[in-house]
Amino acid sequence: TLAVAPDLEAISALTPGPFGGNMDVPDVKVGNTIYLPVYNPGALFYIGDCHAAQGQGELCGVACEITAKATLTFEIIKGKSIEWPI
């Protein structure tokens, strides 16, 4: 799960959307760049629910979840707009 604060006041942590969220795809891994649209000043980034292994989605509602330490780098790309995570 990685996300910025959505344009809504509150949303379930299990819900993916244009803000990111519980996307559960193997493409989200070390070395990849993820672009998220920003809806609020400061973006208000959130990360959690790390998996040791991941298929395409969490169809049965369980995964190989682990404790993890992450090093992240953030960059704001001004003058660009996206509607969905890339």
C-alpha atoms as a PDB file:
ATOM      1  CA  THR A   1       0.000   0.000   0.000  1.00  0.00           C
ATOM      2  CA  LEU A   2       1.368   3.363  -1.008  1.00  0.00           C
ATOM      3  CA  ALA A   3      -0.722   6.420  -1.525  1.00  0.00           C
ATOM      4  CA  VAL A   4      -1.176  10.133  -1.264  1.00  0.00           C
ATOM      5  CA  ALA A   5      -4.178  11.577   0.589  1.00  0.00           C
ATOM      6  CA  PRO A   6      -7.203  11.366  -1.729  1.00  0.00           C
ATOM      7  CA  ASP A   7      -9.464  14.271  -2.556  1.00  0.00           C
ATOM      8  CA  LEU A   8     -12.079  12.675  -0.261  1.00  0.00           C
ATOM      9  CA  GLU A   9     -12.154  13.302   3.478  1.00  0.00           C
ATOM     10  CA  ALA A  10     -11.675   9.615   4.378  1.00  0.00           C
ATOM     11  CA  ILE A  11     -11.349   6.270   2.603  1.00  0.00           C
ATOM     12  CA  SER A  12     -10.723   2.653   3.606  1.00  0.00           C
ATOM     13  CA  ALA A  13      -7.080   1.558   3.716  1.00  0.00           C
ATOM     14  CA  LEU A  14      -8.064  -1.471   1.590  1.00  0.00           C
ATOM     15  CA  THR A  15      -9.396   0.616  -1.270  1.00  0.00           C
ATOM     16  CA  PRO A  16      -7.166   1.339  -4.283  1.00  0.00           C
ATOM     17  CA  GLY A  17      -7.875   4.336  -6.459  1.00  0.00           C
ATOM     18  CA  PRO A  18      -6.373   7.212  -8.420  1.00  0.00           C
ATOM     19  CA  PHE A  19      -4.454   8.238  -5.260  1.00  0.00           C
ATOM     20  CA  GLY A  20      -2.687   4.841  -5.079  1.00  0.00           C
ATOM     21  CA  GLY A  21      -3.646   2.724  -2.093  1.00  0.00           C
ATOM     22  CA  ASN A  22      -3.751  -1.041  -1.748  1.00  0.00           C
ATOM     23  CA  MET A  23      -2.764  -1.769  -5.360  1.00  0.00           C
ATOM     24  CA  ASP A  24      -1.277  -5.239  -4.738  1.00  0.00           C
ATOM     25  CA  VAL A  25       0.665  -5.716  -7.957  1.00  0.00           C
ATOM     26  CA  PRO A  26       4.155  -7.181  -8.396  1.00  0.00           C
ATOM     27  CA  ASP A  27       5.210  -4.092 -10.408  1.00  0.00           C
ATOM     28  CA  VAL A  28       5.568  -2.143  -7.150  1.00  0.00           C
ATOM     29  CA  LYS A  29       9.038  -3.291  -6.143  1.00  0.00           C
ATOM     30  CA  VAL A  30      12.581  -2.188  -5.431  1.00  0.00           C
ATOM     31  CA  GLY A  31      14.046  -0.021  -8.180  1.00  0.00           C
ATOM     32  CA  ASN A  32      10.789   0.946  -9.890  1.00  0.00           C
ATOM     33  CA  THR A  33       9.483   4.514 -10.098  1.00  0.00           C
ATOM     34  CA  ILE A  34       5.858   5.145  -9.180  1.00  0.00           C
ATOM     35  CA  TYR A  35       4.038   8.321 -10.147  1.00  0.00           C
ATOM     36  CA  LEU A  36       0.974   9.417  -8.178  1.00  0.00           C
ATOM     37  CA  PRO A  37      -1.299  12.400  -8.719  1.00  0.00           C
ATOM     38  CA  VAL A  38      -1.345  14.884  -5.818  1.00  0.00           C
ATOM     39  CA  TYR A  39      -4.628  16.175  -4.402  1.00  0.00           C
ATOM     40  CA  ASN A  40      -3.524  18.001  -1.246  1.00  0.00           C
ATOM     41  CA  PRO A  41      -0.679  20.359  -0.294  1.00  0.00           C
ATOM     42  CA  GLY A  42       2.291  18.219   0.722  1.00  0.00           C
ATOM     43  CA  ALA A  43       0.661  15.122  -0.839  1.00  0.00           C
ATOM     44  CA  LEU A  44       0.425  13.489   2.646  1.00  0.00           C
ATOM     45  CA  PHE A  45       2.103  10.238   1.555  1.00  0.00           C
ATOM     46  CA  TYR A  46       1.355   6.903   3.240  1.00  0.00           C
ATOM     47  CA  ILE A  47       3.084   3.512   2.983  1.00  0.00           C
ATOM     48  CA  GLY A  48       2.365   0.175   4.662  1.00  0.00           C
ATOM     49  CA  ASP A  49       1.200  -3.435   4.139  1.00  0.00           C
ATOM     50  CA  CYS A  50       4.511  -4.687   2.706  1.00  0.00           C
ATOM     51  CA  HIS A  51       4.567  -8.105   1.042  1.00  0.00           C
ATOM     52  CA  ALA A  52       7.476 -10.536   0.668  1.00  0.00           C
ATOM     53  CA  ALA A  53       5.857 -11.889  -2.498  1.00  0.00           C
ATOM     54  CA  GLN A  54       2.947 -10.654  -4.570  1.00  0.00           C
ATOM     55  CA  GLY A  55       0.817 -11.979  -7.399  1.00  0.00           C
ATOM     56  CA  GLN A  56      -1.669  -9.952  -9.415  1.00  0.00           C
ATOM     57  CA  GLY A  57      -3.939  -8.856  -6.587  1.00  0.00           C
ATOM     58  CA  GLU A  58      -4.902 -10.353  -3.256  1.00  0.00           C
ATOM     59  CA  LEU A  59      -7.889 -12.370  -4.483  1.00  0.00           C
ATOM     60  CA  CYS A  60      -8.240 -14.529  -1.375  1.00  0.00           C
ATOM     61  CA  GLY A  61      -7.639 -11.633   1.018  1.00  0.00           C
ATOM     62  CA  VAL A  62      -4.269 -12.817   2.320  1.00  0.00           C
ATOM     63  CA  ALA A  63      -0.647 -12.287   1.343  1.00  0.00           C
ATOM     64  CA  CYS A  64       2.871 -12.988   2.585  1.00  0.00           C
ATOM     65  CA  GLU A  65       3.080  -9.790   4.651  1.00  0.00           C
ATOM     66  CA  ILE A  66       6.319  -8.755   6.336  1.00  0.00           C
ATOM     67  CA  THR A  67       7.877  -6.073   8.473  1.00  0.00           C
ATOM     68  CA  ALA A  68       9.911  -3.853   6.159  1.00  0.00           C
ATOM     69  CA  LYS A  69      12.191  -0.847   6.100  1.00  0.00           C
ATOM     70  CA  ALA A  70      11.921   1.415   3.053  1.00  0.00           C
ATOM     71  CA  THR A  71      14.076   4.222   1.723  1.00  0.00           C
ATOM     72  CA  LEU A  72      12.028   6.509  -0.512  1.00  0.00           C
ATOM     73  CA  THR A  73      12.845   9.520  -2.633  1.00  0.00           C
ATOM     74  CA  PHE A  74      10.162  12.057  -3.539  1.00  0.00           C
ATOM     75  CA  GLU A  75      10.090  14.540  -6.374  1.00  0.00           C
ATOM     76  CA  ILE A  76       7.346  16.925  -7.440  1.00  0.00           C
ATOM     77  CA  ILE A  77       7.011  17.218 -11.194  1.00  0.00           C
ATOM     78  CA  LYS A  78       5.464  20.623 -11.817  1.00  0.00           C
ATOM     79  CA  GLY A  79       3.485  21.346 -14.948  1.00  0.00           C
ATOM     80  CA  LYS A  80       2.445  17.685 -15.391  1.00  0.00           C
ATOM     81  CA  SER A  81      -0.851  16.079 -14.495  1.00  0.00           C
ATOM     82  CA  ILE A  82      -1.927  12.425 -14.348  1.00  0.00           C
ATOM     83  CA  GLU A  83      -5.265  10.938 -13.389  1.00  0.00           C
ATOM     84  CA  TRP A  84      -4.112   7.479 -12.232  1.00  0.00           C
ATOM     85  CA  PRO A  85      -0.913   5.950 -10.763  1.00  0.00           C
ATOM     86  CA  ILE A  86       1.774   5.079 -13.291  1.00  0.00           C
END
